PDB file of N, CA and C in Angstrom:
ATOM      1  N   MET A   1      93.461 140.408  95.323  1.00  0.00           N
ATOM      2  CA  MET A   1      93.704 141.260  96.393  1.00  0.00           C
ATOM      3  C   MET A   1      95.107 141.404  95.912  1.00  0.00           C
ATOM      4  N   GLY A   2      96.231 140.979  95.389  1.00  0.00           N
ATOM      5  CA  GLY A   2      97.428 141.248  95.122  1.00  0.00           C
ATOM      6  C   GLY A   2      97.691 142.385  94.039  1.00  0.00           C
ATOM      7  N   PRO A   3      97.113 142.485  92.916  1.00  0.00           N
ATOM      8  CA  PRO A   3      97.280 143.157  91.579  1.00  0.00           C
ATOM      9  C   PRO A   3      96.511 144.741  92.641  1.00  0.00           C
ATOM     10  N   LEU A   4      95.247 144.367  93.152  1.00  0.00           N
ATOM     11  CA  LEU A   4      95.162 145.960  93.674  1.00  0.00           C
ATOM     12  C   LEU A   4      96.114 146.230  94.370  1.00  0.00           C
ATOM     13  N   LEU A   5      96.441 145.615  95.340  1.00  0.00           N
ATOM     14  CA  LEU A   5      97.688 146.506  96.707  1.00  0.00           C
ATOM     15  C   LEU A   5      99.014 146.723  95.650  1.00  0.00           C
ATOM     16  N   ALA A   6      99.438 145.806  94.800  1.00  0.00           N
ATOM     17  CA  ALA A   6     100.359 146.184  93.688  1.00  0.00           C
ATOM     18  C   ALA A   6     100.080 147.854  93.378  1.00  0.00           C
ATOM     19  N   LEU A   7      98.575 148.437  92.525  1.00  0.00           N
ATOM     20  CA  LEU A   7      98.528 149.347  92.276  1.00  0.00           C
ATOM     21  C   LEU A   7      98.479 150.064  93.405  1.00  0.00           C
ATOM     22  N   LEU A   8      97.990 149.886  94.283  1.00  0.00           N
ATOM     23  CA  LEU A   8      98.215 150.824  95.312  1.00  0.00           C
ATOM     24  C   LEU A   8      99.607 151.199  95.518  1.00  0.00           C
ATOM     25  N   LEU A   9     100.542 150.581  95.913  1.00  0.00           N
ATOM     26  CA  LEU A   9     101.939 150.757  96.326  1.00  0.00           C
ATOM     27  C   LEU A   9     102.426 151.410  95.267  1.00  0.00           C
ATOM     28  N   MET A  10     102.475 151.158  93.581  1.00  0.00           N
ATOM     29  CA  MET A  10     102.253 152.010  92.404  1.00  0.00           C
ATOM     30  C   MET A  10     102.195 153.681  92.717  1.00  0.00           C
ATOM     31  N   TRP A  11     100.732 153.600  93.907  1.00  0.00           N
ATOM     32  CA  TRP A  11      99.963 155.269  93.372  1.00  0.00           C
ATOM     33  C   TRP A  11     101.105 155.576  94.449  1.00  0.00           C
ATOM     34  N   LEU A  12     100.922 154.947  95.602  1.00  0.00           N
ATOM     35  CA  LEU A  12     102.019 155.873  96.626  1.00  0.00           C
ATOM     36  C   LEU A  12     103.329 156.014  96.429  1.00  0.00           C
ATOM     37  N   THR A  13     104.017 154.743  96.086  1.00  0.00           N
ATOM     38  CA  THR A  13     105.316 155.291  95.349  1.00  0.00           C
ATOM     39  C   THR A  13     106.076 156.421  94.672  1.00  0.00           C
ATOM     40  N   ALA A  14     104.805 156.596  93.568  1.00  0.00           N
ATOM     41  CA  ALA A  14     104.978 157.193  92.764  1.00  0.00           C
ATOM     42  C   ALA A  14     105.956 156.156  91.244  1.00  0.00           C
ATOM     43  N   ASP A  15     105.232 155.276  91.503  1.00  0.00           N
ATOM     44  CA  ASP A  15     105.438 154.318  90.181  1.00  0.00           C
ATOM     45  C   ASP A  15     106.660 153.964  90.372  1.00  0.00           C
ATOM     46  N   ASN A  16     107.090 153.542  91.558  1.00  0.00           N
ATOM     47  CA  ASN A  16     108.731 152.955  91.770  1.00  0.00           C
ATOM     48  C   ASN A  16     108.408 151.640  91.807  1.00  0.00           C
ATOM     49  N   PHE A  17     108.648 151.023  90.685  1.00  0.00           N
ATOM     50  CA  PHE A  17     108.581 149.315  90.045  1.00  0.00           C
ATOM     51  C   PHE A  17     109.420 148.530  91.068  1.00  0.00           C
ATOM     52  N   ARG A  18     110.744 149.301  91.899  1.00  0.00           N
ATOM     53  CA  ARG A  18     111.389 148.438  92.546  1.00  0.00           C
ATOM     54  C   ARG A  18     111.146 147.933  94.359  1.00  0.00           C
ATOM     55  N   ALA A  19     110.229 149.410  94.694  1.00  0.00           N
ATOM     56  CA  ALA A  19     109.833 149.349  96.196  1.00  0.00           C
ATOM     57  C   ALA A  19     108.802 148.521  96.307  1.00  0.00           C
ATOM     58  N   VAL A  20     107.635 148.322  95.352  1.00  0.00           N
ATOM     59  CA  VAL A  20     106.785 147.247  94.893  1.00  0.00           C
ATOM     60  C   VAL A  20     107.137 146.115  94.552  1.00  0.00           C
ATOM     61  N   PHE A  21     108.097 145.592  93.883  1.00  0.00           N
ATOM     62  CA  PHE A  21     109.294 144.497  94.316  1.00  0.00           C
ATOM     63  C   PHE A  21     109.030 143.898  95.477  1.00  0.00           C
ATOM     64  N   TRP A  22     110.204 144.918  95.700  1.00  0.00           N
ATOM     65  CA  TRP A  22     110.455 144.245  97.275  1.00  0.00           C
ATOM     66  C   TRP A  22     109.137 144.016  98.046  1.00  0.00           C
ATOM     67  N   PHE A  23     108.249 145.124  97.793  1.00  0.00           N
ATOM     68  CA  PHE A  23     107.146 144.381  98.589  1.00  0.00           C
ATOM     69  C   PHE A  23     106.390 143.010  98.831  1.00  0.00           C
ATOM     70  N   ALA A  24     106.732 142.746  97.501  1.00  0.00           N
ATOM     71  CA  ALA A  24     106.171 141.339  97.310  1.00  0.00           C
ATOM     72  C   ALA A  24     106.780 140.231  97.527  1.00  0.00           C
ATOM     73  N   VAL A  25     108.218 140.492  97.856  1.00  0.00           N
ATOM     74  CA  VAL A  25     109.175 139.623  98.507  1.00  0.00           C
ATOM     75  C   VAL A  25     108.603 139.251  99.270  1.00  0.00           C
ATOM     76  N   ILE A  26     108.444 140.235 100.172  1.00  0.00           N
ATOM     77  CA  ILE A  26     107.693 139.470 102.054  1.00  0.00           C
ATOM     78  C   ILE A  26     106.645 138.603 102.224  1.00  0.00           C
ATOM     79  N   PRO A  27     105.486 138.546 101.141  1.00  0.00           N
ATOM     80  CA  PRO A  27     105.264 137.065 101.284  1.00  0.00           C
ATOM     81  C   PRO A  27     105.759 136.010 100.726  1.00  0.00           C
ATOM     82  N   ALA A  28     106.385 135.995  99.446  1.00  0.00           N
ATOM     83  CA  ALA A  28     107.095 134.948  99.169  1.00  0.00           C
ATOM     84  C   ALA A  28     107.684 134.516 100.170  1.00  0.00           C
ATOM     85  N   PHE A  29     108.875 134.877 101.095  1.00  0.00           N
ATOM     86  CA  PHE A  29     109.275 134.135 101.971  1.00  0.00           C
ATOM     87  C   PHE A  29     109.122 133.676 103.015  1.00  0.00           C
ATOM     88  N   LEU A  30     107.907 134.686 103.720  1.00  0.00           N
ATOM     89  CA  LEU A  30     106.771 134.266 104.166  1.00  0.00           C
ATOM     90  C   LEU A  30     106.820 132.762 104.052  1.00  0.00           C
ATOM     91  N   ALA A  31     106.226 132.726 102.541  1.00  0.00           N
ATOM     92  CA  ALA A  31     104.974 131.597 102.183  1.00  0.00           C
ATOM     93  C   ALA A  31     106.604 130.031 102.584  1.00  0.00           C
ATOM     94  N   VAL A  32     107.475 130.585 101.957  1.00  0.00           N
ATOM     95  CA  VAL A  32     109.088 129.404 101.668  1.00  0.00           C
ATOM     96  C   VAL A  32     109.146 129.381 103.258  1.00  0.00           C
ATOM     97  N   GLY A  33     109.020 130.545 103.983  1.00  0.00           N
ATOM     98  CA  GLY A  33     109.504 129.853 105.955  1.00  0.00           C
ATOM     99  C   GLY A  33     108.486 129.081 106.122  1.00  0.00           C
ATOM    100  N   PHE A  34     107.105 129.230 105.985  1.00  0.00           N
ATOM    101  CA  PHE A  34     106.154 128.445 106.596  1.00  0.00           C
ATOM    102  C   PHE A  34     106.302 127.193 105.516  1.00  0.00           C
ATOM    103  N   MET A  35     106.259 126.851 104.544  1.00  0.00           N
ATOM    104  CA  MET A  35     106.657 125.398 104.015  1.00  0.00           C
ATOM    105  C   MET A  35     108.067 125.059 104.710  1.00  0.00           C
ATOM    106  N   ILE A  36     109.071 125.280 105.121  1.00  0.00           N
ATOM    107  CA  ILE A  36     109.839 125.153 105.373  1.00  0.00           C
ATOM    108  C   ILE A  36     110.065 124.555 107.191  1.00  0.00           C
ATOM    109  N   PHE A  37     109.411 125.414 108.168  1.00  0.00           N
ATOM    110  CA  PHE A  37     109.390 124.933 109.135  1.00  0.00           C
ATOM    111  C   PHE A  37     108.033 124.593 109.821  1.00  0.00           C
ATOM    112  N   GLY A  38     106.505 124.892 108.880  1.00  0.00           N
ATOM    113  CA  GLY A  38     105.580 124.576 109.548  1.00  0.00           C
ATOM    114  C   GLY A  38     105.503 123.066 108.862  1.00  0.00           C
ATOM    115  N   VAL A  39     105.386 122.546 107.957  1.00  0.00           N
ATOM    116  CA  VAL A  39     105.200 121.725 106.742  1.00  0.00           C
ATOM    117  C   VAL A  39     106.425 120.084 107.486  1.00  0.00           C
ATOM    118  N   SER A  40     105.814 119.064 108.103  1.00  0.00           N
ATOM    119  CA  SER A  40     106.236 118.226 108.339  1.00  0.00           C
ATOM    120  C   SER A  40     105.502 117.048 107.627  1.00  0.00           C
ATOM    121  N   GLU A  41     106.522 116.185 107.184  1.00  0.00           N
ATOM    122  CA  GLU A  41     106.250 115.116 106.381  1.00  0.00           C
ATOM    123  C   GLU A  41     105.746 113.687 107.278  1.00  0.00           C
ATOM    124  N   PRO A  42     104.754 113.366 107.636  1.00  0.00           N
ATOM    125  CA  PRO A  42     104.802 111.904 108.667  1.00  0.00           C
ATOM    126  C   PRO A  42     105.499 111.115 108.671  1.00  0.00           C
ATOM    127  N   GLU A  43     106.002 110.454 109.679  1.00  0.00           N
ATOM    128  CA  GLU A  43     106.963 109.093 109.542  1.00  0.00           C
ATOM    129  C   GLU A  43     106.252 108.218 108.710  1.00  0.00           C
ATOM    130  N   ARG A  44     106.706 106.934 107.883  1.00  0.00           N
ATOM    131  CA  ARG A  44     106.257 106.181 107.303  1.00  0.00           C
ATOM    132  C   ARG A  44     106.450 104.971 107.936  1.00  0.00           C
ATOM    133  N   PRO A  45     104.978 104.269 107.966  1.00  0.00           N
ATOM    134  CA  PRO A  45     105.750 102.831 108.978  1.00  0.00           C
ATOM    135  C   PRO A  45     106.369 101.686 108.501  1.00  0.00           C
ATOM    136  N   ALA A  46     107.488 101.108 108.679  1.00  0.00           N
ATOM    137  CA  ALA A  46     108.376 100.488 108.226  1.00  0.00           C
ATOM    138  C   ALA A  46     108.028  99.360 107.230  1.00  0.00           C
ATOM    139  N   GLY A  47     106.656  98.510 107.759  1.00  0.00           N
ATOM    140  CA  GLY A  47     106.351  97.906 106.635  1.00  0.00           C
ATOM    141  C   GLY A  47     106.330  98.511 105.177  1.00  0.00           C
ATOM    142  N   LEU A  48     105.847  99.835 105.453  1.00  0.00           N
ATOM    143  CA  LEU A  48     105.322 100.178 103.653  1.00  0.00           C
ATOM    144  C   LEU A  48     106.731 100.315 103.188  1.00  0.00           C
ATOM    145  N   ARG A  49     107.880 100.589 103.365  1.00  0.00           N
ATOM    146  CA  ARG A  49     108.976 100.782 103.055  1.00  0.00           C
ATOM    147  C   ARG A  49     109.515 100.059 102.015  1.00  0.00           C
ATOM    148  N   LYS A  50     110.015 100.796 100.993  1.00  0.00           N
ATOM    149  CA  LYS A  50     110.149  99.906  99.994  1.00  0.00           C
ATOM    150  C   LYS A  50     111.672  99.270 100.034  1.00  0.00           C
ATOM    151  N   VAL A  51     112.728  97.825  99.506  1.00  0.00           N
ATOM    152  CA  VAL A  51     113.842  97.486 100.287  1.00  0.00           C
ATOM    153  C   VAL A  51     114.266  97.935  98.714  1.00  0.00           C
ATOM    154  N   HIS A  52     113.366  96.394  97.519  1.00  0.00           N
ATOM    155  CA  HIS A  52     113.721  97.004  96.279  1.00  0.00           C
ATOM    156  C   HIS A  52     113.570  97.983  95.857  1.00  0.00           C
ATOM    157  N   PRO A  53     114.051  98.243  94.055  1.00  0.00           N
ATOM    158  CA  PRO A  53     114.098  99.252  93.513  1.00  0.00           C
ATOM    159  C   PRO A  53     112.689  99.034  92.653  1.00  0.00           C
ATOM    160  N   PRO A  54     111.958  99.663  91.967  1.00  0.00           N
ATOM    161  CA  PRO A  54     110.736  99.857  92.165  1.00  0.00           C
ATOM    162  C   PRO A  54     110.650  99.122  90.464  1.00  0.00           C
ATOM    163  N   LEU A  55     111.690  99.247  90.074  1.00  0.00           N
ATOM    164  CA  LEU A  55     111.915  98.343  87.941  1.00  0.00           C
ATOM    165  C   LEU A  55     112.958  97.444  88.199  1.00  0.00           C
ATOM    166  N   SER A  56     112.611  96.244  88.082  1.00  0.00           N
ATOM    167  CA  SER A  56     113.633  95.434  87.475  1.00  0.00           C
ATOM    168  C   SER A  56     114.431  95.721  86.426  1.00  0.00           C
ATOM    169  N   LEU A  57     115.660  95.071  85.892  1.00  0.00           N
ATOM    170  CA  LEU A  57     116.249  95.225  85.024  1.00  0.00           C
ATOM    171  C   LEU A  57     115.616  94.661  83.649  1.00  0.00           C
ATOM    172  N   GLY A  58     115.020  93.926  83.888  1.00  0.00           N
ATOM    173  CA  GLY A  58     113.975  92.805  82.889  1.00  0.00           C
ATOM    174  C   GLY A  58     112.856  93.496  82.739  1.00  0.00           C
ATOM    175  N   GLU A  59     112.657  94.164  83.730  1.00  0.00           N
ATOM    176  CA  GLU A  59     111.353  95.369  83.149  1.00  0.00           C
ATOM    177  C   GLU A  59     111.312  96.279  82.396  1.00  0.00           C
ATOM    178  N   LEU A  60     112.642  97.129  82.500  1.00  0.00           N
ATOM    179  CA  LEU A  60     113.276  97.945  81.846  1.00  0.00           C
ATOM    180  C   LEU A  60     113.338  97.505  80.596  1.00  0.00           C
ATOM    181  N   ARG A  61     114.027  96.739  80.045  1.00  0.00           N
ATOM    182  CA  ARG A  61     114.461  95.618  78.621  1.00  0.00           C
ATOM    183  C   ARG A  61     112.756  95.486  77.988  1.00  0.00           C
ATOM    184  N   ARG A  62     111.360  95.459  78.857  1.00  0.00           N
ATOM    185  CA  ARG A  62     110.713  95.104  77.968  1.00  0.00           C
ATOM    186  C   ARG A  62     110.032  96.350  78.010  1.00  0.00           C
ATOM    187  N   LEU A  63     109.785  97.748  78.250  1.00  0.00           N
ATOM    188  CA  LEU A  63     109.605  99.016  77.202  1.00  0.00           C
ATOM    189  C   LEU A  63     110.221  99.324  76.174  1.00  0.00           C
ATOM    190  N   SER A  64     109.039  99.696  75.048  1.00  0.00           N
ATOM    191  CA  SER A  64     109.386 100.160  74.072  1.00  0.00           C
ATOM    192  C   SER A  64     109.896 101.493  73.457  1.00  0.00           C
ATOM    193  N   LEU A  65     111.152 101.669  72.626  1.00  0.00           N
ATOM    194  CA  LEU A  65     111.090 103.401  73.286  1.00  0.00           C
ATOM    195  C   LEU A  65     110.421 103.905  71.852  1.00  0.00           C
ATOM    196  N   ALA A  66     109.493 103.508  71.159  1.00  0.00           N
ATOM    197  CA  ALA A  66     108.443 104.132  70.445  1.00  0.00           C
ATOM    198  C   ALA A  66     107.182 104.719  71.489  1.00  0.00           C
TER     199      ALA A  66
END
């Protein structure tokens, strides 16, 4: 749908690339706005929170470099 709309806009604006790209910015800003204001991560229960780091220093030393 997007490429067809871009072709239609190119035809309507007499091959004005700049205008077509400005039209493409509108859905991009809407998507970012929905992600920022519409998506929220649920609160994790206190029992699932990790207090210690996931890897200890001893476990890191056992990893091979190859």
